[in-house]
């Protein structure tokens, strides 16, 4: 079974690329984030194309913001939209959807950004992660938590830790909240597969960040032990970040039981060397 997660940064803007990618990579289960479509609009836009490809879907959207979905051609049962007992800002947002696909409980999540350390949105982020942890802990061991976590787990997951000082995504409380989520028995399967290499999944659109490989790894697939033991390949599909009109995120793909593209996947990181002079590159937002 091939499982993928992808923050598409607007399904409407990315529909042609999404359908081409589905045909090329043939994933069995796809977790999408930042769909930015209400559920009816999602079905109207993609329904016929997904049915033609054998996918059922569960979407949880709210229009111009947020939005998550699960596409599956191996079953879609026990669908749950939203995060039970989760916080809102101030109302609950469309940031989580879960379903059982071929015996695996799959969560597609879009963790709040946090905006600025110690802001109201930052505290909301930490509360939301705590609610996600409680939900996963109460569920089965055969589980996958897939999505845009908006947290780089360690300094190895950003191109230069010095560039991120004072920003969200790398602070100790965020990383502690992510580690707490993993402590319920989840494995970061991409990092397990690539323990030393630079492996990024997100690159800012500005300042040529992708072409210079100045990115961060914030899109994760976390697997419970019964699923992690089945992993044959885990990789970032950098090809989907190239070309005209891409999302600023690349898909993350995990192959269970067999690896049709080889045990390392068809795209082998890293494409460039690590930074040799810390602080030499500032984030685009730091210049504004």
C-alpha atoms as a PDB file:
ATOM      1  CA  UNK A   1       0.000   0.000   0.000  1.00  0.00           C
ATOM      2  CA  UNK A   2       1.373   3.406  -0.974  1.00  0.00           C
ATOM      3  CA  UNK A   3       0.429   6.266   1.374  1.00  0.00           C
ATOM      4  CA  UNK A   4       1.181   9.903   0.667  1.00  0.00           C
ATOM      5  CA  UNK A   5       0.642  13.262   2.314  1.00  0.00           C
ATOM      6  CA  UNK A   6       0.683  16.576   0.474  1.00  0.00           C
ATOM      7  CA  UNK A   7      -0.094  20.147   1.443  1.00  0.00           C
ATOM      8  CA  UNK A   8      -1.351  21.271  -1.959  1.00  0.00           C
ATOM      9  CA  UNK A   9      -1.849  24.926  -0.958  1.00  0.00           C
ATOM     10  CA  UNK A  10      -5.246  25.142  -2.730  1.00  0.00           C
ATOM     11  CA  UNK A  11      -6.743  22.198  -4.585  1.00  0.00           C
ATOM     12  CA  UNK A  12      -8.391  24.598  -7.019  1.00  0.00           C
ATOM     13  CA  UNK A  13      -5.021  26.053  -8.009  1.00  0.00           C
ATOM     14  CA  UNK A  14      -3.345  22.647  -8.135  1.00  0.00           C
ATOM     15  CA  UNK A  15      -6.042  20.373  -9.596  1.00  0.00           C
ATOM     16  CA  UNK A  16      -4.256  19.615 -12.882  1.00  0.00           C
ATOM     17  CA  UNK A  17      -1.002  18.882 -11.099  1.00  0.00           C
ATOM     18  CA  UNK A  18      -2.774  16.753  -8.493  1.00  0.00           C
ATOM     19  CA  UNK A  19      -4.504  14.554 -11.056  1.00  0.00           C
ATOM     20  CA  UNK A  20      -1.310  14.112 -13.081  1.00  0.00           C
ATOM     21  CA  UNK A  21       0.553  13.198  -9.894  1.00  0.00           C
ATOM     22  CA  UNK A  22      -2.123  10.651  -8.910  1.00  0.00           C
ATOM     23  CA  UNK A  23      -1.689   8.996 -12.308  1.00  0.00           C
ATOM     24  CA  UNK A  24       2.104   9.031 -12.087  1.00  0.00           C
ATOM     25  CA  UNK A  25       2.635   7.882  -8.491  1.00  0.00           C
ATOM     26  CA  UNK A  26      -0.542   5.797  -8.074  1.00  0.00           C
ATOM     27  CA  UNK A  27      -0.901   6.201  -4.302  1.00  0.00           C
ATOM     28  CA  UNK A  28      -3.504   4.066  -2.574  1.00  0.00           C
ATOM     29  CA  UNK A  29      -4.167   6.578   0.220  1.00  0.00           C
ATOM     30  CA  UNK A  30      -3.565  10.331  -0.020  1.00  0.00           C
ATOM     31  CA  UNK A  31      -3.813  12.821   2.803  1.00  0.00           C
ATOM     32  CA  UNK A  32      -4.263  16.394   1.578  1.00  0.00           C
ATOM     33  CA  UNK A  33      -3.918  19.642   3.502  1.00  0.00           C
ATOM     34  CA  UNK A  34      -4.771  23.268   2.765  1.00  0.00           C
ATOM     35  CA  UNK A  35      -7.428  22.250   0.293  1.00  0.00           C
ATOM     36  CA  UNK A  36      -9.125  25.644   0.780  1.00  0.00           C
ATOM     37  CA  UNK A  37     -12.489  24.284  -0.373  1.00  0.00           C
ATOM     38  CA  UNK A  38     -15.782  23.572   1.333  1.00  0.00           C
ATOM     39  CA  UNK A  39     -16.857  19.931   1.111  1.00  0.00           C
ATOM     40  CA  UNK A  40     -19.438  20.439  -1.648  1.00  0.00           C
ATOM     41  CA  UNK A  41     -16.998  22.470  -3.720  1.00  0.00           C
ATOM     42  CA  UNK A  42     -14.349  19.759  -3.272  1.00  0.00           C
ATOM     43  CA  UNK A  43     -16.763  17.109  -4.577  1.00  0.00           C
ATOM     44  CA  UNK A  44     -17.890  19.300  -7.482  1.00  0.00           C
ATOM     45  CA  UNK A  45     -14.317  20.026  -8.522  1.00  0.00           C
ATOM     46  CA  UNK A  46     -12.739  16.580  -8.129  1.00  0.00           C
ATOM     47  CA  UNK A  47     -15.511  14.039  -7.694  1.00  0.00           C
ATOM     48  CA  UNK A  48     -15.735  12.716 -11.251  1.00  0.00           C
ATOM     49  CA  UNK A  49     -11.960  12.573 -11.678  1.00  0.00           C
ATOM     50  CA  UNK A  50     -11.458  10.771  -8.377  1.00  0.00           C
ATOM     51  CA  UNK A  51     -14.206   8.231  -9.050  1.00  0.00           C
ATOM     52  CA  UNK A  52     -12.684   7.563 -12.470  1.00  0.00           C
ATOM     53  CA  UNK A  53      -9.407   6.689 -10.720  1.00  0.00           C
ATOM     54  CA  UNK A  54     -11.075   4.478  -8.146  1.00  0.00           C
ATOM     55  CA  UNK A  55     -10.836   6.816  -5.155  1.00  0.00           C
ATOM     56  CA  UNK A  56     -13.388   7.398  -2.438  1.00  0.00           C
ATOM     57  CA  UNK A  57     -12.820  10.521  -0.364  1.00  0.00           C
ATOM     58  CA  UNK A  58     -13.574  12.206   2.917  1.00  0.00           C
ATOM     59  CA  UNK A  59     -13.165  15.975   2.921  1.00  0.00           C
ATOM     60  CA  UNK A  60     -13.383  18.477   5.746  1.00  0.00           C
ATOM     61  CA  UNK A  61     -13.161  22.038   4.473  1.00  0.00           C
ATOM     62  CA  UNK A  62     -14.318  25.544   5.154  1.00  0.00           C
ATOM     63  CA  UNK A  63     -13.851  27.572   1.988  1.00  0.00           C
ATOM     64  CA  UNK A  64     -10.873  29.856   1.494  1.00  0.00           C
ATOM     65  CA  UNK A  65      -8.782  28.608   4.429  1.00  0.00           C
ATOM     66  CA  UNK A  66      -7.432  25.379   5.888  1.00  0.00           C
ATOM     67  CA  UNK A  67      -9.170  22.188   4.742  1.00  0.00           C
ATOM     68  CA  UNK A  68      -8.068  18.544   4.797  1.00  0.00           C
ATOM     69  CA  UNK A  69      -9.046  15.390   2.933  1.00  0.00           C
ATOM     70  CA  UNK A  70      -8.305  11.686   2.612  1.00  0.00           C
ATOM     71  CA  UNK A  71      -8.478   9.928  -0.749  1.00  0.00           C
ATOM     72  CA  UNK A  72      -8.497   6.129  -0.709  1.00  0.00           C
ATOM     73  CA  UNK A  73      -8.879   3.288  -3.147  1.00  0.00           C
ATOM     74  CA  UNK A  74      -8.437   0.614  -0.432  1.00  0.00           C
ATOM     75  CA  UNK A  75     -11.486   1.401   1.659  1.00  0.00           C
ATOM     76  CA  UNK A  76     -12.712   4.410   3.621  1.00  0.00           C
ATOM     77  CA  UNK A  77     -14.541   3.595   6.828  1.00  0.00           C
ATOM     78  CA  UNK A  78     -15.339   5.203  10.190  1.00  0.00           C
ATOM     79  CA  UNK A  79     -14.805   8.723   8.897  1.00  0.00           C
ATOM     80  CA  UNK A  80     -14.414  11.379  11.566  1.00  0.00           C
ATOM     81  CA  UNK A  81     -14.250  15.046  10.614  1.00  0.00           C
ATOM     82  CA  UNK A  82     -12.603  17.461  13.001  1.00  0.00           C
ATOM     83  CA  UNK A  83     -10.699  16.862  16.210  1.00  0.00           C
ATOM     84  CA  UNK A  84     -12.928  15.771  19.103  1.00  0.00           C
ATOM     85  CA  UNK A  85     -12.519  18.083  22.084  1.00  0.00           C
ATOM     86  CA  UNK A  86     -10.027  20.139  20.092  1.00  0.00           C
ATOM     87  CA  UNK A  87      -9.664  23.908  20.577  1.00  0.00           C
ATOM     88  CA  UNK A  88     -10.784  26.552  18.092  1.00  0.00           C
ATOM     89  CA  UNK A  89      -9.549  29.977  17.118  1.00  0.00           C
ATOM     90  CA  UNK A  90     -12.076  30.908  18.357  1.00  0.00           C
ATOM     91  CA  UNK A  91     -14.269  28.351  16.541  1.00  0.00           C
ATOM     92  CA  UNK A  92     -13.084  24.864  15.497  1.00  0.00           C
ATOM     93  CA  UNK A  93     -11.263  24.914  12.162  1.00  0.00           C
ATOM     94  CA  UNK A  94     -11.101  22.318   9.374  1.00  0.00           C
ATOM     95  CA  UNK A  95      -7.709  20.895  10.272  1.00  0.00           C
ATOM     96  CA  UNK A  96      -8.243  17.163  10.807  1.00  0.00           C
ATOM     97  CA  UNK A  97     -10.031  14.240   9.212  1.00  0.00           C
ATOM     98  CA  UNK A  98      -9.593  10.548   9.999  1.00  0.00           C
ATOM     99  CA  UNK A  99     -10.694   7.304   8.382  1.00  0.00           C
ATOM    100  CA  UNK A 100      -9.826   3.619   8.411  1.00  0.00           C
ATOM    101  CA  UNK A 101      -8.208   2.483   5.163  1.00  0.00           C
ATOM    102  CA  UNK A 102      -7.443  -1.220   4.716  1.00  0.00           C
ATOM    103  CA  UNK A 103      -7.231  -1.716   8.464  1.00  0.00           C
ATOM    104  CA  UNK A 104      -5.063   1.322   9.199  1.00  0.00           C
ATOM    105  CA  UNK A 105      -6.437   4.339  11.042  1.00  0.00           C
ATOM    106  CA  UNK A 106      -5.286   7.316   8.954  1.00  0.00           C
ATOM    107  CA  UNK A 107      -5.286  10.916  10.189  1.00  0.00           C
ATOM    108  CA  UNK A 108      -4.785  13.806   7.764  1.00  0.00           C
ATOM    109  CA  UNK A 109      -3.842  16.867   9.802  1.00  0.00           C
ATOM    110  CA  UNK A 110      -2.968  20.490   9.178  1.00  0.00           C
ATOM    111  CA  UNK A 111      -1.460  21.758  12.419  1.00  0.00           C
ATOM    112  CA  UNK A 112      -1.933  25.488  13.141  1.00  0.00           C
ATOM    113  CA  UNK A 113       1.005  27.640  12.072  1.00  0.00           C
ATOM    114  CA  UNK A 114       1.525  29.406  15.386  1.00  0.00           C
ATOM    115  CA  UNK A 115       2.396  32.700  13.668  1.00  0.00           C
ATOM    116  CA  UNK A 116       4.664  34.164  16.363  1.00  0.00           C
ATOM    117  CA  UNK A 117       6.139  32.601  19.508  1.00  0.00           C
ATOM    118  CA  UNK A 118       4.024  33.253  22.597  1.00  0.00           C
ATOM    119  CA  UNK A 119       1.120  34.670  20.555  1.00  0.00           C
ATOM    120  CA  UNK A 120      -2.489  33.562  21.012  1.00  0.00           C
ATOM    121  CA  UNK A 121      -2.179  31.492  17.832  1.00  0.00           C
ATOM    122  CA  UNK A 122       0.995  29.873  19.156  1.00  0.00           C
ATOM    123  CA  UNK A 123      -0.794  28.804  22.329  1.00  0.00           C
ATOM    124  CA  UNK A 124      -3.677  27.535  20.191  1.00  0.00           C
ATOM    125  CA  UNK A 125      -1.165  25.455  18.233  1.00  0.00           C
ATOM    126  CA  UNK A 126       0.131  23.775  21.379  1.00  0.00           C
ATOM    127  CA  UNK A 127      -3.393  23.107  22.659  1.00  0.00           C
ATOM    128  CA  UNK A 128      -4.378  21.664  19.284  1.00  0.00           C
ATOM    129  CA  UNK A 129      -1.393  19.312  19.296  1.00  0.00           C
ATOM    130  CA  UNK A 130      -2.302  18.136  22.799  1.00  0.00           C
ATOM    131  CA  UNK A 131      -5.825  17.330  21.588  1.00  0.00           C
ATOM    132  CA  UNK A 132      -4.401  15.437  18.598  1.00  0.00           C
ATOM    133  CA  UNK A 133      -2.180  13.422  20.922  1.00  0.00           C
ATOM    134  CA  UNK A 134      -5.167  12.469  23.074  1.00  0.00           C
ATOM    135  CA  UNK A 135      -7.128  11.395  20.000  1.00  0.00           C
ATOM    136  CA  UNK A 136      -4.318   9.235  18.617  1.00  0.00           C
ATOM    137  CA  UNK A 137      -3.526   7.733  22.034  1.00  0.00           C
ATOM    138  CA  UNK A 138      -7.143   6.601  22.377  1.00  0.00           C
ATOM    139  CA  UNK A 139      -7.110   4.887  18.980  1.00  0.00           C
ATOM    140  CA  UNK A 140      -5.614   1.702  17.523  1.00  0.00           C
ATOM    141  CA  UNK A 141      -1.895   0.938  17.278  1.00  0.00           C
ATOM    142  CA  UNK A 142      -2.217   0.450  13.513  1.00  0.00           C
ATOM    143  CA  UNK A 143      -2.223   4.172  12.819  1.00  0.00           C
ATOM    144  CA  UNK A 144      -0.731   6.778  10.510  1.00  0.00           C
ATOM    145  CA  UNK A 145      -0.667  10.492  11.325  1.00  0.00           C
ATOM    146  CA  UNK A 146       0.090  12.321   8.101  1.00  0.00           C
ATOM    147  CA  UNK A 147       0.273  15.978   7.311  1.00  0.00           C
ATOM    148  CA  UNK A 148       1.731  19.419   7.597  1.00  0.00           C
ATOM    149  CA  UNK A 149       2.862  19.582  11.204  1.00  0.00           C
ATOM    150  CA  UNK A 150       4.259  23.114  10.882  1.00  0.00           C
ATOM    151  CA  UNK A 151       7.143  21.946  13.092  1.00  0.00           C
ATOM    152  CA  UNK A 152      10.670  20.938  12.082  1.00  0.00           C
ATOM    153  CA  UNK A 153      11.419  18.124  14.555  1.00  0.00           C
ATOM    154  CA  UNK A 154      15.126  18.942  15.000  1.00  0.00           C
ATOM    155  CA  UNK A 155      17.778  21.371  13.783  1.00  0.00           C
ATOM    156  CA  UNK A 156      18.685  18.782  11.129  1.00  0.00           C
ATOM    157  CA  UNK A 157      15.284  19.447   9.555  1.00  0.00           C
ATOM    158  CA  UNK A 158      16.017  23.061   8.546  1.00  0.00           C
ATOM    159  CA  UNK A 159      18.652  24.332   6.148  1.00  0.00           C
ATOM    160  CA  UNK A 160      20.247  26.514   8.829  1.00  0.00           C
ATOM    161  CA  UNK A 161      19.076  26.711  12.453  1.00  0.00           C
ATOM    162  CA  UNK A 162      20.524  30.223  12.779  1.00  0.00           C
ATOM    163  CA  UNK A 163      18.111  31.493  10.111  1.00  0.00           C
ATOM    164  CA  UNK A 164      15.103  30.411  12.173  1.00  0.00           C
ATOM    165  CA  UNK A 165      16.013  32.025  15.471  1.00  0.00           C
ATOM    166  CA  UNK A 166      13.008  33.917  16.809  1.00  0.00           C
ATOM    167  CA  UNK A 167      10.568  32.174  14.473  1.00  0.00           C
ATOM    168  CA  UNK A 168       7.946  29.506  15.015  1.00  0.00           C
ATOM    169  CA  UNK A 169       8.309  25.915  13.773  1.00  0.00           C
ATOM    170  CA  UNK A 170      11.574  25.373  15.669  1.00  0.00           C
ATOM    171  CA  UNK A 171      10.896  26.485  19.259  1.00  0.00           C
ATOM    172  CA  UNK A 172      11.375  24.119  22.171  1.00  0.00           C
ATOM    173  CA  UNK A 173       7.678  24.009  23.212  1.00  0.00           C
ATOM    174  CA  UNK A 174       6.581  23.133  19.653  1.00  0.00           C
ATOM    175  CA  UNK A 175       9.173  20.409  19.344  1.00  0.00           C
ATOM    176  CA  UNK A 176       8.254  19.089  22.781  1.00  0.00           C
ATOM    177  CA  UNK A 177       4.581  18.923  21.732  1.00  0.00           C
ATOM    178  CA  UNK A 178       5.526  16.979  18.605  1.00  0.00           C
ATOM    179  CA  UNK A 179       7.740  14.635  20.625  1.00  0.00           C
ATOM    180  CA  UNK A 180       4.842  14.130  23.038  1.00  0.00           C
ATOM    181  CA  UNK A 181       2.641  13.121  20.115  1.00  0.00           C
ATOM    182  CA  UNK A 182       5.273  10.647  18.933  1.00  0.00           C
ATOM    183  CA  UNK A 183       5.596   9.255  22.466  1.00  0.00           C
ATOM    184  CA  UNK A 184       2.282   7.428  22.099  1.00  0.00           C
ATOM    185  CA  UNK A 185       4.170   4.955  19.891  1.00  0.00           C
ATOM    186  CA  UNK A 186       4.693   6.748  16.580  1.00  0.00           C
ATOM    187  CA  UNK A 187       7.779   6.584  14.360  1.00  0.00           C
ATOM    188  CA  UNK A 188       8.939   9.334  11.990  1.00  0.00           C
ATOM    189  CA  UNK A 189       9.442   6.913   9.128  1.00  0.00           C
ATOM    190  CA  UNK A 190      11.139   9.302   6.693  1.00  0.00           C
ATOM    191  CA  UNK A 191      13.786  10.246   9.243  1.00  0.00           C
ATOM    192  CA  UNK A 192      14.181   6.578  10.122  1.00  0.00           C
ATOM    193  CA  UNK A 193      14.930   5.913   6.455  1.00  0.00           C
ATOM    194  CA  UNK A 194      17.190   8.957   5.989  1.00  0.00           C
ATOM    195  CA  UNK A 195      18.939   9.380   9.370  1.00  0.00           C
ATOM    196  CA  UNK A 196      21.790  11.646   8.237  1.00  0.00           C
ATOM    197  CA  UNK A 197      20.703  13.368   5.029  1.00  0.00           C
ATOM    198  CA  UNK A 198      19.177  16.767   4.355  1.00  0.00           C
ATOM    199  CA  UNK A 199      15.553  15.893   3.633  1.00  0.00           C
ATOM    200  CA  UNK A 200      13.178  18.824   3.184  1.00  0.00           C
ATOM    201  CA  UNK A 201       9.499  18.979   2.213  1.00  0.00           C
ATOM    202  CA  UNK A 202       8.799  22.724   2.161  1.00  0.00           C
ATOM    203  CA  UNK A 203      10.547  25.627   0.446  1.00  0.00           C
ATOM    204  CA  UNK A 204       9.322  29.245   0.475  1.00  0.00           C
ATOM    205  CA  UNK A 205       8.253  30.516  -2.939  1.00  0.00           C
ATOM    206  CA  UNK A 206      10.407  33.619  -2.530  1.00  0.00           C
ATOM    207  CA  UNK A 207      14.121  34.240  -3.042  1.00  0.00           C
ATOM    208  CA  UNK A 208      14.740  31.062  -5.050  1.00  0.00           C
ATOM    209  CA  UNK A 209      14.595  28.969  -1.898  1.00  0.00           C
ATOM    210  CA  UNK A 210      13.729  25.733  -3.688  1.00  0.00           C
ATOM    211  CA  UNK A 211      16.403  26.019  -6.336  1.00  0.00           C
ATOM    212  CA  UNK A 212      18.956  26.737  -3.620  1.00  0.00           C
ATOM    213  CA  UNK A 213      17.524  23.901  -1.486  1.00  0.00           C
ATOM    214  CA  UNK A 214      16.958  26.221   1.466  1.00  0.00           C
ATOM    215  CA  UNK A 215      14.030  24.390   2.974  1.00  0.00           C
ATOM    216  CA  UNK A 216      12.653  22.657   6.006  1.00  0.00           C
ATOM    217  CA  UNK A 217      11.005  19.327   6.779  1.00  0.00           C
ATOM    218  CA  UNK A 218       7.602  19.968   8.299  1.00  0.00           C
ATOM    219  CA  UNK A 219       5.461  17.440   6.397  1.00  0.00           C
ATOM    220  CA  UNK A 220       5.612  14.150   8.268  1.00  0.00           C
ATOM    221  CA  UNK A 221       4.257  10.630   8.215  1.00  0.00           C
ATOM    222  CA  UNK A 222       4.198   9.182  11.717  1.00  0.00           C
ATOM    223  CA  UNK A 223       3.442   5.479  11.995  1.00  0.00           C
ATOM    224  CA  UNK A 224       2.412   3.247  14.866  1.00  0.00           C
ATOM    225  CA  UNK A 225       4.560   0.146  15.389  1.00  0.00           C
ATOM    226  CA  UNK A 226       2.406  -2.313  13.378  1.00  0.00           C
ATOM    227  CA  UNK A 227       2.531   0.020  10.385  1.00  0.00           C
ATOM    228  CA  UNK A 228       6.133   1.185  10.804  1.00  0.00           C
ATOM    229  CA  UNK A 229       7.255  -2.446  10.653  1.00  0.00           C
ATOM    230  CA  UNK A 230       5.727  -2.680   7.163  1.00  0.00           C
ATOM    231  CA  UNK A 231       7.617   0.300   5.695  1.00  0.00           C
ATOM    232  CA  UNK A 232       9.712  -0.614   2.666  1.00  0.00           C
ATOM    233  CA  UNK A 233      10.391   2.910   1.387  1.00  0.00           C
ATOM    234  CA  UNK A 234       9.878   6.456   2.648  1.00  0.00           C
ATOM    235  CA  UNK A 235      10.765   9.487   0.580  1.00  0.00           C
ATOM    236  CA  UNK A 236       9.993  13.063  -0.466  1.00  0.00           C
ATOM    237  CA  UNK A 237       8.755  13.486  -4.027  1.00  0.00           C
ATOM    238  CA  UNK A 238      10.804  16.549  -4.994  1.00  0.00           C
ATOM    239  CA  UNK A 239       9.705  16.264  -8.616  1.00  0.00           C
ATOM    240  CA  UNK A 240       6.218  17.461  -7.649  1.00  0.00           C
ATOM    241  CA  UNK A 241       7.725  20.716  -6.317  1.00  0.00           C
ATOM    242  CA  UNK A 242       9.290  21.524  -9.698  1.00  0.00           C
ATOM    243  CA  UNK A 243       7.841  23.155 -12.804  1.00  0.00           C
ATOM    244  CA  UNK A 244       5.122  25.746 -13.266  1.00  0.00           C
ATOM    245  CA  UNK A 245       2.624  26.532 -10.517  1.00  0.00           C
ATOM    246  CA  UNK A 246       3.686  24.060  -7.803  1.00  0.00           C
ATOM    247  CA  UNK A 247       2.643  23.984  -4.186  1.00  0.00           C
ATOM    248  CA  UNK A 248       5.350  25.216  -1.850  1.00  0.00           C
ATOM    249  CA  UNK A 249       5.287  21.719  -0.294  1.00  0.00           C
ATOM    250  CA  UNK A 250       6.357  18.426  -1.853  1.00  0.00           C
ATOM    251  CA  UNK A 251       4.477  15.173  -1.261  1.00  0.00           C
ATOM    252  CA  UNK A 252       5.861  12.683   1.243  1.00  0.00           C
ATOM    253  CA  UNK A 253       5.396   9.041   0.241  1.00  0.00           C
ATOM    254  CA  UNK A 254       5.622   5.820   2.229  1.00  0.00           C
ATOM    255  CA  UNK A 255       5.411   2.359   0.692  1.00  0.00           C
ATOM    256  CA  UNK A 256       4.124  -0.464   2.889  1.00  0.00           C
ATOM    257  CA  UNK A 257       4.906  -4.155   2.248  1.00  0.00           C
ATOM    258  CA  UNK A 258       6.511  -3.552  -1.146  1.00  0.00           C
ATOM    259  CA  UNK A 259       8.403  -0.714  -2.816  1.00  0.00           C
ATOM    260  CA  UNK A 260       7.495  -0.449  -6.514  1.00  0.00           C
ATOM    261  CA  UNK A 261      10.090   2.298  -7.090  1.00  0.00           C
ATOM    262  CA  UNK A 262      12.821   0.695  -4.989  1.00  0.00           C
ATOM    263  CA  UNK A 263      13.520   0.832  -1.286  1.00  0.00           C
ATOM    264  CA  UNK A 264      14.882   4.394  -1.460  1.00  0.00           C
ATOM    265  CA  UNK A 265      12.221   5.765  -3.777  1.00  0.00           C
ATOM    266  CA  UNK A 266      12.911   7.359  -7.158  1.00  0.00           C
ATOM    267  CA  UNK A 267      14.066  10.713  -5.743  1.00  0.00           C
ATOM    268  CA  UNK A 268      17.142  10.391  -3.571  1.00  0.00           C
ATOM    269  CA  UNK A 269      18.073  13.382  -1.382  1.00  0.00           C
ATOM    270  CA  UNK A 270      20.103  15.410  -0.743  1.00  0.00           C
ATOM    271  CA  UNK A 271      20.549  17.495  -3.924  1.00  0.00           C
ATOM    272  CA  UNK A 272      22.990  19.967  -2.391  1.00  0.00           C
ATOM    273  CA  UNK A 273      25.507  20.383   0.398  1.00  0.00           C
ATOM    274  CA  UNK A 274      24.627  21.695   3.878  1.00  0.00           C
ATOM    275  CA  UNK A 275      25.194  25.309   4.829  1.00  0.00           C
ATOM    276  CA  UNK A 276      28.840  25.920   5.742  1.00  0.00           C
ATOM    277  CA  UNK A 277      28.387  29.398   7.217  1.00  0.00           C
ATOM    278  CA  UNK A 278      25.520  29.604   9.746  1.00  0.00           C
ATOM    279  CA  UNK A 279      23.480  32.781   9.470  1.00  0.00           C
ATOM    280  CA  UNK A 280      24.619  33.528   5.919  1.00  0.00           C
ATOM    281  CA  UNK A 281      21.047  33.317   4.545  1.00  0.00           C
ATOM    282  CA  UNK A 282      18.055  35.083   6.082  1.00  0.00           C
ATOM    283  CA  UNK A 283      14.482  33.890   5.663  1.00  0.00           C
ATOM    284  CA  UNK A 284      12.501  35.943   3.118  1.00  0.00           C
ATOM    285  CA  UNK A 285      10.071  37.098   5.815  1.00  0.00           C
ATOM    286  CA  UNK A 286      12.995  38.404   7.871  1.00  0.00           C
ATOM    287  CA  UNK A 287      13.721  40.943   5.170  1.00  0.00           C
ATOM    288  CA  UNK A 288      10.265  42.511   5.135  1.00  0.00           C
END
